[in-house]
């Protein structure tokens, strides 16, 4: 993560450490969002997305270095992304975590085309032994 955030959002709550920055072409979202921090993260993502004006109508969001640790944080993120479609004609999610991509698909949010996945990640699953 960047050591400083200029014109972005930074969350540091207990184990949550994330940055949301506009790099001139897309929102770059990176860090870790554990249980209990999903609502604050989703609100920061929504506010950052609302604050971006793109002439071409498509908001690009880079999620390559984002980790959503629980189903609740995934669901809250889905709600923020859905809400962003009210401000932007199209939301293009680059390198979305596998569970986020799967949840968007299962919720039917990819059918209309206003939310698109670009190279979603195929995260490795882990199990407790």
C-alpha atoms as a PDB file:
ATOM      1  CA  UNK A   1       0.000   0.000   0.000  1.00  0.00           C
ATOM      2  CA  UNK A   2       1.040   3.550  -0.570  1.00  0.00           C
ATOM      3  CA  UNK A   3       2.584   5.341   2.372  1.00  0.00           C
ATOM      4  CA  UNK A   4       0.415   8.374   1.783  1.00  0.00           C
ATOM      5  CA  UNK A   5      -2.908   9.027   0.131  1.00  0.00           C
ATOM      6  CA  UNK A   6      -3.523  12.202  -1.852  1.00  0.00           C
ATOM      7  CA  UNK A   7      -7.142  12.732  -2.812  1.00  0.00           C
ATOM      8  CA  UNK A   8      -8.035   9.195  -1.764  1.00  0.00           C
ATOM      9  CA  UNK A   9      -9.513   7.299   1.113  1.00  0.00           C
ATOM     10  CA  UNK A  10      -7.581   5.372   3.709  1.00  0.00           C
ATOM     11  CA  UNK A  11      -9.099   3.080   6.270  1.00  0.00           C
ATOM     12  CA  UNK A  12      -7.149   1.920   9.286  1.00  0.00           C
ATOM     13  CA  UNK A  13      -9.437   0.265  11.794  1.00  0.00           C
ATOM     14  CA  UNK A  14      -8.150  -2.658  13.861  1.00  0.00           C
ATOM     15  CA  UNK A  15      -7.084  -5.131  11.155  1.00  0.00           C
ATOM     16  CA  UNK A  16      -8.555  -3.159   8.227  1.00  0.00           C
ATOM     17  CA  UNK A  17      -5.949  -1.489   6.066  1.00  0.00           C
ATOM     18  CA  UNK A  18      -7.022  -0.270   2.676  1.00  0.00           C
ATOM     19  CA  UNK A  19      -6.404   2.572   0.262  1.00  0.00           C
ATOM     20  CA  UNK A  20      -8.709   3.884  -2.453  1.00  0.00           C
ATOM     21  CA  UNK A  21      -7.023   6.292  -4.844  1.00  0.00           C
ATOM     22  CA  UNK A  22      -7.735   7.813  -8.251  1.00  0.00           C
ATOM     23  CA  UNK A  23      -4.671   7.402 -10.484  1.00  0.00           C
ATOM     24  CA  UNK A  24      -6.014   9.540 -13.321  1.00  0.00           C
ATOM     25  CA  UNK A  25      -7.561   6.598 -15.174  1.00  0.00           C
ATOM     26  CA  UNK A  26      -9.152   4.376 -12.564  1.00  0.00           C
ATOM     27  CA  UNK A  27      -9.812   3.890  -8.891  1.00  0.00           C
ATOM     28  CA  UNK A  28      -7.097   1.718  -7.424  1.00  0.00           C
ATOM     29  CA  UNK A  29      -8.303  -0.220  -4.382  1.00  0.00           C
ATOM     30  CA  UNK A  30      -5.838  -2.197  -2.317  1.00  0.00           C
ATOM     31  CA  UNK A  31      -5.551  -3.686   1.136  1.00  0.00           C
ATOM     32  CA  UNK A  32      -7.413  -5.964   3.504  1.00  0.00           C
ATOM     33  CA  UNK A  33     -11.004  -5.660   4.699  1.00  0.00           C
ATOM     34  CA  UNK A  34     -11.758  -8.049   7.587  1.00  0.00           C
ATOM     35  CA  UNK A  35     -15.042  -8.815   9.308  1.00  0.00           C
ATOM     36  CA  UNK A  36     -16.549  -5.783  10.993  1.00  0.00           C
ATOM     37  CA  UNK A  37     -14.963  -3.295   8.587  1.00  0.00           C
ATOM     38  CA  UNK A  38     -17.050  -3.976   5.497  1.00  0.00           C
ATOM     39  CA  UNK A  39     -19.565  -1.170   5.995  1.00  0.00           C
ATOM     40  CA  UNK A  40     -16.862   1.477   6.435  1.00  0.00           C
ATOM     41  CA  UNK A  41     -14.977   0.136   3.407  1.00  0.00           C
ATOM     42  CA  UNK A  42     -18.139   0.016   1.252  1.00  0.00           C
ATOM     43  CA  UNK A  43     -18.967   3.601   2.242  1.00  0.00           C
ATOM     44  CA  UNK A  44     -15.437   4.755   1.362  1.00  0.00           C
ATOM     45  CA  UNK A  45     -15.647   2.968  -2.008  1.00  0.00           C
ATOM     46  CA  UNK A  46     -19.037   4.526  -2.721  1.00  0.00           C
ATOM     47  CA  UNK A  47     -17.838   8.028  -1.796  1.00  0.00           C
ATOM     48  CA  UNK A  48     -14.681   7.655  -3.895  1.00  0.00           C
ATOM     49  CA  UNK A  49     -16.680   6.411  -6.883  1.00  0.00           C
ATOM     50  CA  UNK A  50     -19.209   9.216  -6.580  1.00  0.00           C
ATOM     51  CA  UNK A  51     -16.378  11.746  -6.517  1.00  0.00           C
ATOM     52  CA  UNK A  52     -14.954  10.657  -9.857  1.00  0.00           C
ATOM     53  CA  UNK A  53     -16.183  12.300 -13.035  1.00  0.00           C
ATOM     54  CA  UNK A  54     -15.375  10.328 -16.177  1.00  0.00           C
ATOM     55  CA  UNK A  55     -16.205  11.795 -19.568  1.00  0.00           C
ATOM     56  CA  UNK A  56     -16.680   8.387 -21.175  1.00  0.00           C
ATOM     57  CA  UNK A  57     -19.198   7.184 -18.572  1.00  0.00           C
ATOM     58  CA  UNK A  58     -17.283   4.080 -17.543  1.00  0.00           C
ATOM     59  CA  UNK A  59     -15.730   3.920 -14.078  1.00  0.00           C
ATOM     60  CA  UNK A  60     -12.721   1.608 -14.017  1.00  0.00           C
ATOM     61  CA  UNK A  61     -11.864   0.048 -10.635  1.00  0.00           C
ATOM     62  CA  UNK A  62      -8.643  -1.928 -10.094  1.00  0.00           C
ATOM     63  CA  UNK A  63      -9.084  -4.550  -7.351  1.00  0.00           C
ATOM     64  CA  UNK A  64      -5.918  -6.593  -7.900  1.00  0.00           C
ATOM     65  CA  UNK A  65      -4.519  -6.017  -4.414  1.00  0.00           C
ATOM     66  CA  UNK A  66      -7.802  -6.120  -2.479  1.00  0.00           C
ATOM     67  CA  UNK A  67      -8.678  -8.882  -0.025  1.00  0.00           C
ATOM     68  CA  UNK A  68     -12.229  -9.163   1.308  1.00  0.00           C
ATOM     69  CA  UNK A  69     -11.985 -11.579   4.220  1.00  0.00           C
ATOM     70  CA  UNK A  70     -15.628 -12.504   4.879  1.00  0.00           C
ATOM     71  CA  UNK A  71     -18.908 -13.015   3.084  1.00  0.00           C
ATOM     72  CA  UNK A  72     -20.314  -9.972   4.872  1.00  0.00           C
ATOM     73  CA  UNK A  73     -17.559  -7.719   3.509  1.00  0.00           C
ATOM     74  CA  UNK A  74     -18.190  -9.141   0.029  1.00  0.00           C
ATOM     75  CA  UNK A  75     -21.944  -8.437   0.317  1.00  0.00           C
ATOM     76  CA  UNK A  76     -21.358  -4.874   1.516  1.00  0.00           C
ATOM     77  CA  UNK A  77     -18.941  -4.294  -1.366  1.00  0.00           C
ATOM     78  CA  UNK A  78     -21.517  -5.638  -3.843  1.00  0.00           C
ATOM     79  CA  UNK A  79     -24.058  -3.136  -2.484  1.00  0.00           C
ATOM     80  CA  UNK A  80     -21.591  -0.259  -2.945  1.00  0.00           C
ATOM     81  CA  UNK A  81     -20.814  -1.328  -6.520  1.00  0.00           C
ATOM     82  CA  UNK A  82     -24.526  -1.618  -7.297  1.00  0.00           C
ATOM     83  CA  UNK A  83     -25.102   1.877  -5.903  1.00  0.00           C
ATOM     84  CA  UNK A  84     -22.310   3.274  -8.090  1.00  0.00           C
ATOM     85  CA  UNK A  85     -24.302   2.338 -11.208  1.00  0.00           C
ATOM     86  CA  UNK A  86     -26.553   5.290 -10.344  1.00  0.00           C
ATOM     87  CA  UNK A  87     -23.594   7.669 -10.972  1.00  0.00           C
ATOM     88  CA  UNK A  88     -21.826   5.900 -13.821  1.00  0.00           C
ATOM     89  CA  UNK A  89     -23.140   4.245 -16.996  1.00  0.00           C
ATOM     90  CA  UNK A  90     -20.789   1.345 -16.543  1.00  0.00           C
ATOM     91  CA  UNK A  91     -18.584  -0.060 -13.773  1.00  0.00           C
ATOM     92  CA  UNK A  92     -15.621  -2.155 -14.970  1.00  0.00           C
ATOM     93  CA  UNK A  93     -13.984  -4.182 -12.206  1.00  0.00           C
ATOM     94  CA  UNK A  94     -10.416  -5.229 -12.990  1.00  0.00           C
ATOM     95  CA  UNK A  95      -8.972  -8.275 -11.184  1.00  0.00           C
ATOM     96  CA  UNK A  96     -11.908  -8.660  -8.808  1.00  0.00           C
ATOM     97  CA  UNK A  97     -11.457 -11.243  -6.028  1.00  0.00           C
ATOM     98  CA  UNK A  98     -13.098 -14.551  -6.937  1.00  0.00           C
ATOM     99  CA  UNK A  99     -15.824 -14.385  -4.265  1.00  0.00           C
ATOM    100  CA  UNK A 100     -16.783 -10.850  -5.279  1.00  0.00           C
ATOM    101  CA  UNK A 101     -17.017 -11.870  -8.944  1.00  0.00           C
ATOM    102  CA  UNK A 102     -19.038 -14.969  -8.030  1.00  0.00           C
ATOM    103  CA  UNK A 103     -21.422 -12.993  -5.810  1.00  0.00           C
ATOM    104  CA  UNK A 104     -22.026 -10.389  -8.533  1.00  0.00           C
ATOM    105  CA  UNK A 105     -22.802 -13.220 -10.963  1.00  0.00           C
ATOM    106  CA  UNK A 106     -25.114 -15.086  -8.538  1.00  0.00           C
ATOM    107  CA  UNK A 107     -26.985 -11.867  -7.735  1.00  0.00           C
ATOM    108  CA  UNK A 108     -27.638 -11.338 -11.462  1.00  0.00           C
ATOM    109  CA  UNK A 109     -25.778  -8.030 -11.502  1.00  0.00           C
ATOM    110  CA  UNK A 110     -23.681  -8.895 -14.554  1.00  0.00           C
ATOM    111  CA  UNK A 111     -26.662  -9.540 -16.831  1.00  0.00           C
ATOM    112  CA  UNK A 112     -27.487  -5.934 -17.731  1.00  0.00           C
ATOM    113  CA  UNK A 113     -23.911  -5.045 -18.660  1.00  0.00           C
ATOM    114  CA  UNK A 114     -23.604  -1.991 -16.423  1.00  0.00           C
ATOM    115  CA  UNK A 115     -21.224  -3.963 -14.169  1.00  0.00           C
ATOM    116  CA  UNK A 116     -18.483  -5.817 -16.009  1.00  0.00           C
ATOM    117  CA  UNK A 117     -15.661  -8.072 -14.859  1.00  0.00           C
ATOM    118  CA  UNK A 118     -12.263  -7.718 -16.523  1.00  0.00           C
ATOM    119  CA  UNK A 119      -9.875 -10.597 -15.783  1.00  0.00           C
ATOM    120  CA  UNK A 120     -11.362 -11.664 -12.426  1.00  0.00           C
ATOM    121  CA  UNK A 121      -8.921 -13.441 -10.145  1.00  0.00           C
ATOM    122  CA  UNK A 122      -9.007 -17.157  -9.530  1.00  0.00           C
ATOM    123  CA  UNK A 123      -7.974 -16.992  -5.881  1.00  0.00           C
ATOM    124  CA  UNK A 124      -6.653 -20.124  -4.254  1.00  0.00           C
ATOM    125  CA  UNK A 125      -8.987 -21.495  -1.604  1.00  0.00           C
ATOM    126  CA  UNK A 126      -7.669 -22.466   1.804  1.00  0.00           C
ATOM    127  CA  UNK A 127      -8.992 -24.939   4.319  1.00  0.00           C
ATOM    128  CA  UNK A 128      -8.298 -25.454   7.980  1.00  0.00           C
ATOM    129  CA  UNK A 129      -6.694 -28.776   8.887  1.00  0.00           C
END
